[in-house]
N, C-alpha and C. Protein backbone atom coordinates (compact mmCIF):
# COMPACT_ATOMS: atom_id res chain seq x y z
N MET A 1 91.47 110.04 102.63
CA MET A 1 91.56 108.84 103.53
C MET A 1 92.79 108.93 104.46
N TYR A 2 94.02 109.09 103.82
CA TYR A 2 95.23 108.94 104.58
C TYR A 2 95.53 110.25 105.39
N GLU A 3 95.52 111.38 104.77
CA GLU A 3 95.82 112.59 105.46
C GLU A 3 94.86 112.96 106.51
N GLY A 4 93.56 112.85 106.25
CA GLY A 4 92.57 113.11 107.22
C GLY A 4 92.56 112.12 108.37
N LEU A 5 92.79 110.90 108.11
CA LEU A 5 92.91 109.92 109.16
C LEU A 5 94.13 110.05 109.98
N ALA A 6 95.20 110.61 109.48
CA ALA A 6 96.38 110.79 110.22
C ALA A 6 96.12 111.92 111.22
N HIS A 7 95.50 113.01 110.80
CA HIS A 7 95.15 114.09 111.72
C HIS A 7 94.08 113.69 112.77
N PHE A 8 93.17 112.84 112.35
CA PHE A 8 92.19 112.31 113.26
C PHE A 8 92.89 111.53 114.32
N ALA A 9 93.91 110.68 113.95
CA ALA A 9 94.64 109.86 114.93
C ALA A 9 95.31 110.76 115.92
N GLU A 10 95.87 111.92 115.47
CA GLU A 10 96.59 112.88 116.30
C GLU A 10 95.56 113.40 117.36
N ALA A 11 94.33 113.73 116.90
CA ALA A 11 93.31 114.15 117.84
C ALA A 11 92.92 113.14 118.78
N MET A 12 92.85 111.89 118.44
CA MET A 12 92.58 110.85 119.35
C MET A 12 93.72 110.65 120.40
N TYR A 13 94.93 110.76 119.94
CA TYR A 13 96.04 110.67 120.83
C TYR A 13 96.00 111.84 121.91
N ARG A 14 95.63 112.99 121.44
CA ARG A 14 95.50 114.09 122.39
C ARG A 14 94.36 113.88 123.36
N GLN A 15 93.32 113.21 122.96
CA GLN A 15 92.22 112.93 123.84
C GLN A 15 92.69 111.94 124.91
N GLN A 16 93.42 110.94 124.55
CA GLN A 16 93.94 109.98 125.48
C GLN A 16 94.84 110.64 126.48
N GLN A 17 95.67 111.61 126.07
CA GLN A 17 96.54 112.28 126.94
C GLN A 17 95.98 113.35 127.84
N GLY A 18 94.98 114.12 127.25
CA GLY A 18 94.54 115.26 128.03
C GLY A 18 92.97 115.37 128.14
N GLY A 19 92.24 114.47 127.43
CA GLY A 19 90.72 114.51 127.52
C GLY A 19 90.16 115.11 126.20
N ARG A 20 88.76 114.95 126.12
CA ARG A 20 88.16 115.38 124.88
C ARG A 20 88.35 116.84 124.52
N GLN A 21 88.31 117.70 125.52
CA GLN A 21 88.42 119.17 125.19
C GLN A 21 89.79 119.47 124.54
N VAL A 22 90.77 118.78 125.02
CA VAL A 22 92.15 119.01 124.46
C VAL A 22 92.10 118.59 122.96
N ALA A 23 91.53 117.47 122.61
CA ALA A 23 91.37 117.01 121.25
C ALA A 23 90.56 117.98 120.46
N LEU A 24 89.52 118.48 121.01
CA LEU A 24 88.66 119.46 120.26
C LEU A 24 89.34 120.76 120.03
N ASP A 25 90.16 121.16 120.98
CA ASP A 25 91.01 122.32 120.78
C ASP A 25 91.96 122.16 119.63
N PHE A 26 92.57 120.98 119.48
CA PHE A 26 93.39 120.67 118.39
C PHE A 26 92.64 120.71 117.03
N LEU A 27 91.47 120.11 117.01
CA LEU A 27 90.64 120.17 115.83
C LEU A 27 90.27 121.61 115.44
N GLY A 28 90.06 122.38 116.49
CA GLY A 28 89.66 123.81 116.23
C GLY A 28 90.75 124.57 115.46
N LEU A 29 92.00 124.22 115.61
CA LEU A 29 93.06 124.79 114.85
C LEU A 29 92.89 124.40 113.35
N HIS A 30 92.45 123.18 113.05
CA HIS A 30 92.14 122.85 111.70
C HIS A 30 90.93 123.56 111.10
N ARG A 31 89.95 123.80 111.96
CA ARG A 31 88.74 124.41 111.50
C ARG A 31 89.02 125.79 110.89
N ALA A 32 90.00 126.49 111.51
CA ALA A 32 90.28 127.77 110.92
C ALA A 32 90.81 127.67 109.46
N ALA A 33 91.39 126.61 109.12
CA ALA A 33 91.98 126.45 107.78
C ALA A 33 90.98 126.47 106.67
N PHE A 34 89.72 125.96 106.95
CA PHE A 34 88.76 125.86 105.84
C PHE A 34 87.52 126.65 106.12
N LEU A 35 87.47 127.36 107.22
CA LEU A 35 86.22 128.03 107.66
C LEU A 35 85.76 129.09 106.64
N ASP A 36 86.66 129.94 106.24
CA ASP A 36 86.25 131.01 105.26
C ASP A 36 85.71 130.47 103.99
N SER A 37 86.32 129.46 103.42
CA SER A 37 85.94 128.87 102.14
C SER A 37 84.56 128.26 102.35
N GLU A 38 84.30 127.53 103.43
CA GLU A 38 83.11 126.92 103.68
C GLU A 38 81.91 127.88 103.93
N LYS A 39 82.30 129.05 104.61
CA LYS A 39 81.20 130.11 104.71
C LYS A 39 80.77 130.58 103.45
N GLU A 40 81.67 130.73 102.51
CA GLU A 40 81.26 131.17 101.12
C GLU A 40 80.34 130.15 100.46
N VAL A 41 80.71 128.84 100.67
CA VAL A 41 79.78 127.85 100.02
C VAL A 41 78.45 127.86 100.79
N SER A 42 78.42 128.03 102.11
CA SER A 42 77.16 128.06 102.85
C SER A 42 76.23 129.23 102.40
N ALA A 43 76.90 130.33 102.12
CA ALA A 43 76.16 131.51 101.81
C ALA A 43 75.54 131.47 100.44
N ALA A 44 76.27 130.89 99.46
CA ALA A 44 75.80 130.80 98.03
C ALA A 44 76.33 129.55 97.36
N PRO A 45 75.67 128.35 97.71
CA PRO A 45 76.17 127.10 97.21
C PRO A 45 76.08 126.99 95.66
N GLN A 46 75.18 127.67 94.99
CA GLN A 46 75.14 127.60 93.57
C GLN A 46 76.26 128.37 92.92
N LYS A 47 76.66 129.48 93.50
CA LYS A 47 77.75 130.26 93.04
C LYS A 47 79.12 129.70 93.42
N ASN A 48 79.15 129.12 94.61
CA ASN A 48 80.39 128.50 95.09
C ASN A 48 80.17 127.11 95.42
N PRO A 49 80.28 126.18 94.43
CA PRO A 49 80.04 124.75 94.58
C PRO A 49 80.88 124.05 95.61
N GLY A 50 82.05 124.71 96.00
CA GLY A 50 82.94 124.10 96.99
C GLY A 50 83.77 122.99 96.44
N GLN A 51 84.37 122.31 97.37
CA GLN A 51 85.32 121.21 96.95
C GLN A 51 84.96 119.94 97.70
N PRO A 52 84.23 118.97 97.12
CA PRO A 52 83.92 117.72 97.82
C PRO A 52 85.22 117.03 98.21
N LEU A 53 85.19 116.37 99.39
CA LEU A 53 86.34 115.68 99.89
C LEU A 53 86.69 114.53 98.97
N ALA A 54 85.78 114.00 98.27
CA ALA A 54 86.03 112.85 97.38
C ALA A 54 86.85 113.20 96.18
N SER A 55 86.98 114.50 95.88
CA SER A 55 87.67 114.83 94.66
C SER A 55 88.68 116.05 94.87
N THR A 56 88.77 116.66 96.07
CA THR A 56 89.56 117.81 96.24
C THR A 56 91.06 117.54 96.20
N PHE A 57 91.72 118.61 95.73
CA PHE A 57 93.22 118.58 95.78
C PHE A 57 93.79 119.62 96.73
N ASP A 58 92.92 120.19 97.48
CA ASP A 58 93.28 121.28 98.41
C ASP A 58 93.58 120.66 99.78
N GLU A 59 94.80 120.79 100.27
CA GLU A 59 95.20 120.12 101.50
C GLU A 59 94.41 120.60 102.73
N THR A 60 93.81 121.83 102.72
CA THR A 60 93.06 122.23 103.83
C THR A 60 91.82 121.50 103.97
N TYR A 61 91.31 120.94 102.81
CA TYR A 61 90.15 120.04 102.83
C TYR A 61 90.55 118.59 103.16
N TYR A 62 91.45 117.98 102.41
CA TYR A 62 91.74 116.60 102.67
C TYR A 62 92.54 116.31 103.86
N ARG A 63 93.09 117.34 104.57
CA ARG A 63 93.65 117.23 105.81
C ARG A 63 92.77 117.69 106.95
N SER A 64 92.46 118.95 106.97
CA SER A 64 91.68 119.50 108.04
C SER A 64 90.22 119.19 108.09
N LYS A 65 89.54 119.36 106.94
CA LYS A 65 88.10 119.04 107.00
C LYS A 65 87.92 117.55 107.16
N ALA A 66 88.81 116.77 106.52
CA ALA A 66 88.70 115.29 106.60
C ALA A 66 88.91 114.78 108.06
N ALA A 67 89.75 115.48 108.75
CA ALA A 67 89.95 115.12 110.22
C ALA A 67 88.64 115.28 110.95
N TYR A 68 87.96 116.35 110.70
CA TYR A 68 86.61 116.60 111.34
C TYR A 68 85.67 115.48 110.90
N VAL A 69 85.65 115.13 109.67
CA VAL A 69 84.71 114.11 109.17
C VAL A 69 84.90 112.79 109.87
N TRP A 70 86.20 112.42 110.10
CA TRP A 70 86.50 111.13 110.80
C TRP A 70 86.01 111.30 112.27
N TRP A 71 86.27 112.45 112.84
CA TRP A 71 85.84 112.60 114.21
C TRP A 71 84.31 112.55 114.36
N MET A 72 83.53 113.21 113.46
CA MET A 72 82.13 113.15 113.51
C MET A 72 81.58 111.67 113.25
N LEU A 73 82.26 110.97 112.35
CA LEU A 73 81.94 109.58 112.12
C LEU A 73 82.16 108.76 113.40
N ARG A 74 83.20 109.02 114.04
CA ARG A 74 83.45 108.32 115.32
C ARG A 74 82.35 108.53 116.32
N ASP A 75 81.90 109.88 116.43
CA ASP A 75 80.85 110.16 117.30
C ASP A 75 79.52 109.53 116.89
N LEU A 76 79.33 109.43 115.60
CA LEU A 76 78.13 108.82 115.04
C LEU A 76 77.98 107.32 115.27
N VAL A 77 79.11 106.57 115.04
CA VAL A 77 79.00 105.13 115.07
C VAL A 77 79.73 104.50 116.20
N GLY A 78 80.59 105.23 116.94
CA GLY A 78 81.30 104.65 118.04
C GLY A 78 82.68 104.17 117.67
N ASP A 79 83.48 103.99 118.70
CA ASP A 79 84.88 103.57 118.50
C ASP A 79 84.98 102.20 117.82
N ASP A 80 84.26 101.20 118.38
CA ASP A 80 84.42 99.89 117.84
C ASP A 80 84.04 99.68 116.41
N ALA A 81 82.90 100.27 116.01
CA ALA A 81 82.51 100.23 114.59
C ALA A 81 83.55 100.87 113.67
N LEU A 82 84.00 102.04 114.02
CA LEU A 82 84.97 102.77 113.28
C LEU A 82 86.29 102.02 113.10
N LYS A 83 86.73 101.48 114.22
CA LYS A 83 87.97 100.63 114.16
C LYS A 83 87.84 99.44 113.23
N GLN A 84 86.66 98.83 113.30
CA GLN A 84 86.37 97.68 112.43
C GLN A 84 86.43 98.02 110.99
N ALA A 85 85.81 99.19 110.65
CA ALA A 85 85.81 99.60 109.26
C ALA A 85 87.21 100.01 108.77
N ILE A 86 88.02 100.66 109.66
CA ILE A 86 89.31 101.02 109.23
C ILE A 86 90.22 99.74 109.04
N ARG A 87 90.03 98.75 109.95
CA ARG A 87 90.81 97.53 109.82
C ARG A 87 90.56 96.79 108.50
N LYS A 88 89.29 96.90 108.03
CA LYS A 88 88.85 96.25 106.87
C LYS A 88 89.27 97.00 105.53
N TYR A 89 89.66 98.16 105.70
CA TYR A 89 89.96 99.08 104.50
C TYR A 89 91.22 98.43 103.76
N ARG A 90 91.14 98.30 102.43
CA ARG A 90 92.15 97.87 101.55
C ARG A 90 92.29 98.82 100.41
N ALA A 91 93.43 99.43 100.24
CA ALA A 91 93.67 100.44 99.22
C ALA A 91 93.33 99.92 97.87
N GLU A 92 93.70 98.67 97.58
CA GLU A 92 93.47 98.00 96.23
C GLU A 92 91.98 97.81 95.99
N ASP A 93 91.17 97.86 97.00
CA ASP A 93 89.78 97.70 96.82
C ASP A 93 89.00 98.96 96.78
N ASP A 94 89.69 100.08 96.98
CA ASP A 94 89.08 101.39 97.07
C ASP A 94 88.87 101.96 95.64
N LYS A 95 87.96 101.36 94.89
CA LYS A 95 87.66 101.75 93.53
C LYS A 95 86.34 102.44 93.35
N ASP A 96 85.47 102.19 94.27
CA ASP A 96 84.06 102.79 94.25
C ASP A 96 84.05 103.94 95.16
N PRO A 97 83.51 105.11 94.72
CA PRO A 97 83.42 106.29 95.60
C PRO A 97 82.79 105.99 96.96
N LYS A 98 81.93 104.99 96.97
CA LYS A 98 81.17 104.67 98.20
C LYS A 98 81.86 103.55 99.04
N TYR A 99 83.09 103.21 98.72
CA TYR A 99 83.70 102.09 99.37
C TYR A 99 83.82 102.29 100.83
N VAL A 100 84.35 103.45 101.26
CA VAL A 100 84.56 103.72 102.63
C VAL A 100 83.18 103.84 103.41
N GLU A 101 82.21 104.47 102.73
CA GLU A 101 80.90 104.57 103.34
C GLU A 101 80.30 103.13 103.58
N GLN A 102 80.50 102.28 102.69
CA GLN A 102 79.92 100.90 102.81
C GLN A 102 80.62 100.18 103.95
N LEU A 103 81.91 100.39 104.11
CA LEU A 103 82.64 99.77 105.20
C LEU A 103 82.10 100.18 106.57
N VAL A 104 81.96 101.54 106.70
CA VAL A 104 81.47 102.10 107.94
C VAL A 104 80.05 101.70 108.17
N GLU A 105 79.19 101.66 107.15
CA GLU A 105 77.78 101.36 107.36
C GLU A 105 77.63 99.81 107.81
N ALA A 106 78.49 99.04 107.14
CA ALA A 106 78.41 97.61 107.52
C ALA A 106 78.84 97.36 108.95
N ALA A 107 79.87 98.06 109.35
CA ALA A 107 80.32 97.88 110.78
C ALA A 107 79.31 98.45 111.77
N ALA A 108 78.70 99.59 111.37
CA ALA A 108 77.84 100.33 112.40
C ALA A 108 76.29 99.80 112.28
N LYS A 109 76.04 99.14 111.17
CA LYS A 109 74.67 98.65 110.82
C LYS A 109 73.77 99.81 110.88
N ARG A 110 74.15 100.87 110.10
CA ARG A 110 73.44 102.16 110.11
C ARG A 110 73.56 102.85 108.76
N ASP A 111 72.45 103.37 108.27
CA ASP A 111 72.51 104.10 107.00
C ASP A 111 73.07 105.56 107.23
N LEU A 112 74.23 105.79 106.58
CA LEU A 112 74.93 107.04 106.73
C LEU A 112 75.03 107.81 105.38
N GLY A 113 74.18 107.42 104.41
CA GLY A 113 74.23 108.08 103.15
C GLY A 113 74.06 109.53 103.21
N TRP A 114 73.15 110.15 104.11
CA TRP A 114 73.01 111.52 104.16
C TRP A 114 74.22 112.19 104.66
N PHE A 115 74.95 111.60 105.57
CA PHE A 115 76.22 112.21 106.12
C PHE A 115 77.25 112.22 105.04
N PHE A 116 77.49 111.17 104.31
CA PHE A 116 78.50 111.17 103.20
C PHE A 116 78.10 112.05 102.12
N ASP A 117 76.83 112.24 101.82
CA ASP A 117 76.43 113.09 100.75
C ASP A 117 76.73 114.57 101.15
N ASP A 118 76.52 114.93 102.41
CA ASP A 118 76.81 116.31 102.81
C ASP A 118 78.21 116.64 102.99
N TRP A 119 79.06 115.64 103.48
CA TRP A 119 80.35 115.94 103.92
C TRP A 119 81.51 115.40 103.02
N VAL A 120 81.16 114.39 102.21
CA VAL A 120 82.23 113.74 101.40
C VAL A 120 82.00 113.85 99.88
N TYR A 121 80.87 113.44 99.44
CA TYR A 121 80.58 113.46 97.99
C TYR A 121 80.17 114.84 97.43
N GLN A 122 79.67 115.72 98.29
CA GLN A 122 79.37 117.10 97.93
C GLN A 122 79.98 118.03 98.97
N ASP A 123 80.15 119.24 98.67
CA ASP A 123 80.56 120.26 99.61
C ASP A 123 79.36 121.23 99.73
N ARG A 124 78.54 121.07 100.73
CA ARG A 124 77.38 121.89 100.92
C ARG A 124 77.63 122.97 101.97
N GLY A 125 78.86 123.24 102.30
CA GLY A 125 79.14 124.21 103.31
C GLY A 125 79.12 123.59 104.70
N LEU A 126 78.73 124.46 105.67
CA LEU A 126 78.65 123.96 107.01
C LEU A 126 77.28 124.10 107.66
N PRO A 127 76.96 123.30 108.72
CA PRO A 127 75.77 123.44 109.39
C PRO A 127 75.80 124.75 110.22
N ASP A 128 74.61 125.17 110.77
CA ASP A 128 74.52 126.27 111.65
C ASP A 128 73.35 126.00 112.61
N PHE A 129 73.67 125.51 113.84
CA PHE A 129 72.69 125.07 114.76
C PHE A 129 72.31 126.17 115.79
N HIS A 130 71.08 126.14 116.21
CA HIS A 130 70.64 126.98 117.33
C HIS A 130 69.43 126.37 117.90
N VAL A 131 69.18 126.74 119.16
CA VAL A 131 67.94 126.25 119.83
C VAL A 131 66.76 127.02 119.32
N GLN A 132 65.82 126.31 118.71
CA GLN A 132 64.59 126.92 118.16
C GLN A 132 63.62 127.18 119.33
N SER A 133 63.45 126.18 120.15
CA SER A 133 62.49 126.34 121.27
C SER A 133 62.77 125.34 122.33
N VAL A 134 62.34 125.63 123.53
CA VAL A 134 62.40 124.79 124.71
C VAL A 134 61.09 124.72 125.45
N HIS A 135 60.77 123.63 126.12
CA HIS A 135 59.54 123.56 126.95
C HIS A 135 59.81 122.77 128.19
N PRO A 136 60.20 123.39 129.27
CA PRO A 136 60.39 122.66 130.53
C PRO A 136 58.95 122.32 131.07
N TRP A 137 58.89 121.16 131.73
CA TRP A 137 57.60 120.78 132.29
C TRP A 137 57.84 119.70 133.33
N THR A 138 56.83 119.56 134.19
CA THR A 138 56.98 118.61 135.32
C THR A 138 55.72 117.75 135.37
N THR A 139 56.00 116.47 135.58
CA THR A 139 54.85 115.51 135.65
C THR A 139 54.10 115.53 136.98
N GLU A 140 52.98 114.92 136.98
CA GLU A 140 52.25 114.92 138.22
C GLU A 140 53.01 114.28 139.37
N LYS A 141 53.95 113.45 139.08
CA LYS A 141 54.81 112.81 140.15
C LYS A 141 56.01 113.65 140.51
N GLY A 142 56.09 114.76 139.85
CA GLY A 142 57.21 115.71 140.17
C GLY A 142 58.51 115.47 139.44
N VAL A 143 58.42 114.63 138.41
CA VAL A 143 59.58 114.38 137.52
C VAL A 143 59.73 115.54 136.51
N GLN A 144 60.89 116.05 136.38
CA GLN A 144 61.15 117.23 135.52
C GLN A 144 61.70 116.82 134.17
N PHE A 145 61.16 117.40 133.09
CA PHE A 145 61.52 117.16 131.76
C PHE A 145 61.79 118.46 131.03
N ILE A 146 62.47 118.37 129.97
CA ILE A 146 62.55 119.54 129.02
C ILE A 146 62.50 118.96 127.59
N THR A 147 61.64 119.69 126.74
CA THR A 147 61.58 119.30 125.36
C THR A 147 62.34 120.33 124.61
N VAL A 148 63.33 119.89 123.84
CA VAL A 148 64.24 120.77 123.08
C VAL A 148 64.08 120.61 121.66
N THR A 149 63.95 121.67 120.87
CA THR A 149 63.96 121.64 119.39
C THR A 149 65.21 122.43 118.92
N LEU A 150 66.07 121.72 118.18
CA LEU A 150 67.16 122.38 117.53
C LEU A 150 66.88 122.58 116.06
N GLU A 151 67.38 123.73 115.53
CA GLU A 151 67.17 124.00 114.09
C GLU A 151 68.55 124.19 113.44
N ASN A 152 68.73 123.65 112.30
CA ASN A 152 69.91 123.72 111.48
C ASN A 152 69.69 124.63 110.28
N LEU A 153 70.29 125.81 110.38
CA LEU A 153 70.08 126.78 109.28
C LEU A 153 70.98 126.58 108.12
N GLY A 154 71.98 125.69 108.32
CA GLY A 154 72.92 125.45 107.19
C GLY A 154 72.55 124.43 106.20
N ASN A 155 73.41 124.14 105.24
CA ASN A 155 73.14 123.29 104.12
C ASN A 155 73.74 121.90 104.29
N ALA A 156 74.35 121.62 105.46
CA ALA A 156 74.93 120.30 105.77
C ALA A 156 74.41 119.86 107.05
N GLY A 157 73.97 118.56 107.13
CA GLY A 157 73.42 118.02 108.39
C GLY A 157 74.57 117.41 109.24
N ALA A 158 74.29 117.10 110.50
CA ALA A 158 75.22 116.42 111.35
C ALA A 158 74.54 116.02 112.62
N GLU A 159 75.11 115.06 113.35
CA GLU A 159 74.61 114.72 114.69
C GLU A 159 75.43 115.60 115.62
N VAL A 160 74.71 116.45 116.38
CA VAL A 160 75.40 117.46 117.19
C VAL A 160 75.15 117.24 118.65
N PRO A 161 76.13 117.42 119.51
CA PRO A 161 75.79 117.32 120.96
C PRO A 161 75.20 118.63 121.52
N PHE A 162 74.47 118.52 122.52
CA PHE A 162 74.01 119.73 123.22
C PHE A 162 73.99 119.40 124.71
N THR A 163 74.30 120.43 125.52
CA THR A 163 74.46 120.28 126.95
C THR A 163 73.39 121.13 127.66
N ILE A 164 72.68 120.54 128.53
CA ILE A 164 71.66 121.22 129.34
C ILE A 164 72.27 121.46 130.74
N LEU A 165 72.42 122.71 131.10
CA LEU A 165 72.98 123.04 132.43
C LEU A 165 71.87 123.34 133.43
N PHE A 166 72.09 122.82 134.66
CA PHE A 166 71.25 123.09 135.79
C PHE A 166 72.06 123.29 137.03
N GLU A 167 71.46 123.80 138.07
CA GLU A 167 72.19 124.06 139.27
C GLU A 167 72.91 122.80 139.81
N GLY A 168 74.23 122.81 139.80
CA GLY A 168 74.96 121.64 140.36
C GLY A 168 75.35 120.59 139.32
N GLY A 169 75.06 120.83 138.08
CA GLY A 169 75.46 119.84 137.11
C GLY A 169 75.07 120.06 135.68
N GLU A 170 75.17 119.09 134.83
CA GLU A 170 74.80 119.23 133.41
C GLU A 170 74.54 117.87 132.84
N ILE A 171 73.81 117.82 131.77
CA ILE A 171 73.50 116.54 130.99
C ILE A 171 73.82 116.86 129.51
N THR A 172 74.50 115.94 128.85
CA THR A 172 74.80 116.08 127.44
C THR A 172 74.12 115.01 126.65
N LYS A 173 73.40 115.46 125.59
CA LYS A 173 72.75 114.53 124.65
C LYS A 173 73.16 114.74 123.29
N ARG A 174 72.91 113.90 122.35
CA ARG A 174 73.14 114.07 120.92
C ARG A 174 71.85 114.01 120.12
N ILE A 175 71.82 114.69 118.98
CA ILE A 175 70.65 114.69 118.16
C ILE A 175 71.06 115.01 116.71
N GLU A 176 70.43 114.26 115.82
CA GLU A 176 70.76 114.36 114.42
C GLU A 176 69.88 115.43 113.77
N VAL A 177 70.43 116.45 113.18
CA VAL A 177 69.68 117.52 112.64
C VAL A 177 70.09 117.74 111.19
N HIS A 178 69.28 117.41 110.22
CA HIS A 178 69.58 117.57 108.83
C HIS A 178 69.57 118.98 108.32
N ALA A 179 70.14 119.22 107.15
CA ALA A 179 70.24 120.50 106.54
C ALA A 179 68.91 121.21 106.44
N LYS A 180 68.85 122.44 106.84
CA LYS A 180 67.56 123.26 106.76
C LYS A 180 66.43 122.52 107.49
N GLY A 181 66.72 121.79 108.56
CA GLY A 181 65.70 121.09 109.23
C GLY A 181 65.72 121.28 110.71
N THR A 182 64.81 120.64 111.36
CA THR A 182 64.71 120.72 112.90
C THR A 182 64.58 119.33 113.42
N ALA A 183 64.97 119.14 114.69
CA ALA A 183 64.80 117.92 115.39
C ALA A 183 64.41 118.20 116.85
N THR A 184 63.63 117.36 117.38
CA THR A 184 63.12 117.55 118.75
C THR A 184 63.39 116.35 119.61
N THR A 185 63.78 116.54 120.91
CA THR A 185 63.99 115.42 121.80
C THR A 185 63.57 115.89 123.19
N ARG A 186 63.33 114.90 124.05
CA ARG A 186 62.93 115.10 125.41
C ARG A 186 63.97 114.57 126.36
N VAL A 187 64.29 115.32 127.45
CA VAL A 187 65.31 114.95 128.34
C VAL A 187 64.83 115.06 129.76
N GLU A 188 65.03 114.07 130.57
CA GLU A 188 64.70 114.08 131.97
C GLU A 188 65.78 114.83 132.77
N LEU A 189 65.49 115.63 133.69
CA LEU A 189 66.42 116.40 134.44
C LEU A 189 66.21 116.24 136.01
N PRO A 190 67.23 116.33 136.73
CA PRO A 190 67.14 116.32 138.17
C PRO A 190 66.74 117.63 138.78
N ARG A 191 66.97 118.74 138.03
CA ARG A 191 66.69 120.08 138.61
C ARG A 191 66.25 120.94 137.37
N PRO A 192 65.65 122.10 137.67
CA PRO A 192 65.21 122.98 136.61
C PRO A 192 66.41 123.39 135.69
N PRO A 193 66.23 123.48 134.42
CA PRO A 193 67.29 123.83 133.49
C PRO A 193 67.54 125.39 133.50
N ILE A 194 68.84 125.73 133.32
CA ILE A 194 69.22 127.14 133.32
C ILE A 194 69.61 127.57 131.94
N GLU A 195 70.36 126.71 131.19
CA GLU A 195 70.96 127.13 129.95
C GLU A 195 71.18 125.90 129.11
N ILE A 196 71.21 126.09 127.77
CA ILE A 196 71.52 125.00 126.80
C ILE A 196 72.66 125.58 125.95
N VAL A 197 73.59 124.68 125.78
CA VAL A 197 74.74 125.00 124.90
C VAL A 197 74.83 124.03 123.81
N VAL A 198 74.65 124.40 122.53
CA VAL A 198 74.72 123.51 121.44
C VAL A 198 76.08 123.38 120.83
N ASN A 199 76.55 122.19 120.64
CA ASN A 199 77.83 121.87 120.00
C ASN A 199 79.03 122.16 120.96
N ASP A 200 79.85 121.13 121.17
CA ASP A 200 81.01 121.24 121.99
C ASP A 200 82.24 121.52 121.19
N GLY A 201 82.14 121.85 119.90
CA GLY A 201 83.24 122.09 119.01
C GLY A 201 83.58 120.85 118.10
N SER A 202 82.86 119.77 118.27
CA SER A 202 83.10 118.54 117.51
C SER A 202 82.53 118.62 116.10
N VAL A 203 81.64 119.54 115.84
CA VAL A 203 81.05 119.70 114.55
C VAL A 203 81.37 121.16 114.09
N PRO A 204 82.16 121.32 112.90
CA PRO A 204 82.43 122.63 112.45
C PRO A 204 81.15 123.37 111.92
N GLU A 205 81.02 124.59 112.35
CA GLU A 205 79.83 125.40 112.05
C GLU A 205 80.23 126.70 111.43
N SER A 206 79.27 127.25 110.71
CA SER A 206 79.55 128.52 110.01
C SER A 206 79.32 129.69 111.04
N ASP A 207 78.57 129.47 112.10
CA ASP A 207 78.28 130.52 113.03
C ASP A 207 78.20 129.96 114.43
N LEU A 208 79.13 130.33 115.28
CA LEU A 208 79.09 129.80 116.66
C LEU A 208 78.54 130.81 117.66
N THR A 209 78.04 131.97 117.24
CA THR A 209 77.59 133.02 118.09
C THR A 209 76.18 132.77 118.66
N ASN A 210 75.45 131.81 118.07
CA ASN A 210 74.06 131.56 118.42
C ASN A 210 73.86 130.20 119.09
N ASN A 211 74.93 129.72 119.75
CA ASN A 211 74.86 128.29 120.28
C ASN A 211 74.42 128.26 121.76
N VAL A 212 74.27 129.40 122.41
CA VAL A 212 73.87 129.39 123.80
C VAL A 212 72.46 129.98 123.97
N PHE A 213 71.67 129.16 124.71
CA PHE A 213 70.27 129.60 124.92
C PHE A 213 69.98 129.63 126.46
N LYS A 214 69.60 130.79 126.86
CA LYS A 214 69.24 131.02 128.32
C LYS A 214 67.80 130.66 128.52
N ILE A 215 67.56 129.74 129.46
CA ILE A 215 66.15 129.31 129.71
C ILE A 215 65.43 130.56 130.30
N GLY A 216 64.24 130.87 129.71
CA GLY A 216 63.47 131.95 130.16
C GLY A 216 63.85 133.27 129.49
N ALA A 217 64.83 133.15 128.44
CA ALA A 217 65.20 134.41 127.79
C ALA A 217 64.81 134.40 126.36
N GLU A 218 63.71 133.73 126.05
CA GLU A 218 63.21 133.62 124.71
C GLU A 218 62.77 134.93 124.16
């Protein structure tokens, strides 16, 4: 709670000073601290059960990984809901493992059990996102759309941003993709798509080499 929240606050300060990318670069330094351990968990979860945040004594987890968890929670529920949950937190009431989850869920009015199971109560390793398929199409009225399916090859789910690039601009959307699952969404575009980039660095992944998809390069 405290160490991870402190590093999350530092990331928020950096965003205020220099923008989101500066904050994500800061978080990226923390990602390196636990990446190797989490890759081992992702590769063989039964052999390497990992270290759940709820019970770990390893500072690379309760500081670095926890900072990411707070950031992902903020992206999931928004600033207002997260601030409300943090304001209501009382250390003397923190006796149930699900205490923080319940505070965030009450503020966000959203079920986040899957997220806390994957990232706090268990250590399931990291997600691994890639574009499984795309389908650009145009309506009879000339409106352009693209249907995008993302796949998560990892054992932990997350809500991940993806950016569709086209000539002269880009559009970023978010989609929730659970462990070993897929999710599909449709996006309206002003021009034909050129490329899709999954994840802006806000979600730690086991593999970042498969996050770019060139349209027409299937």
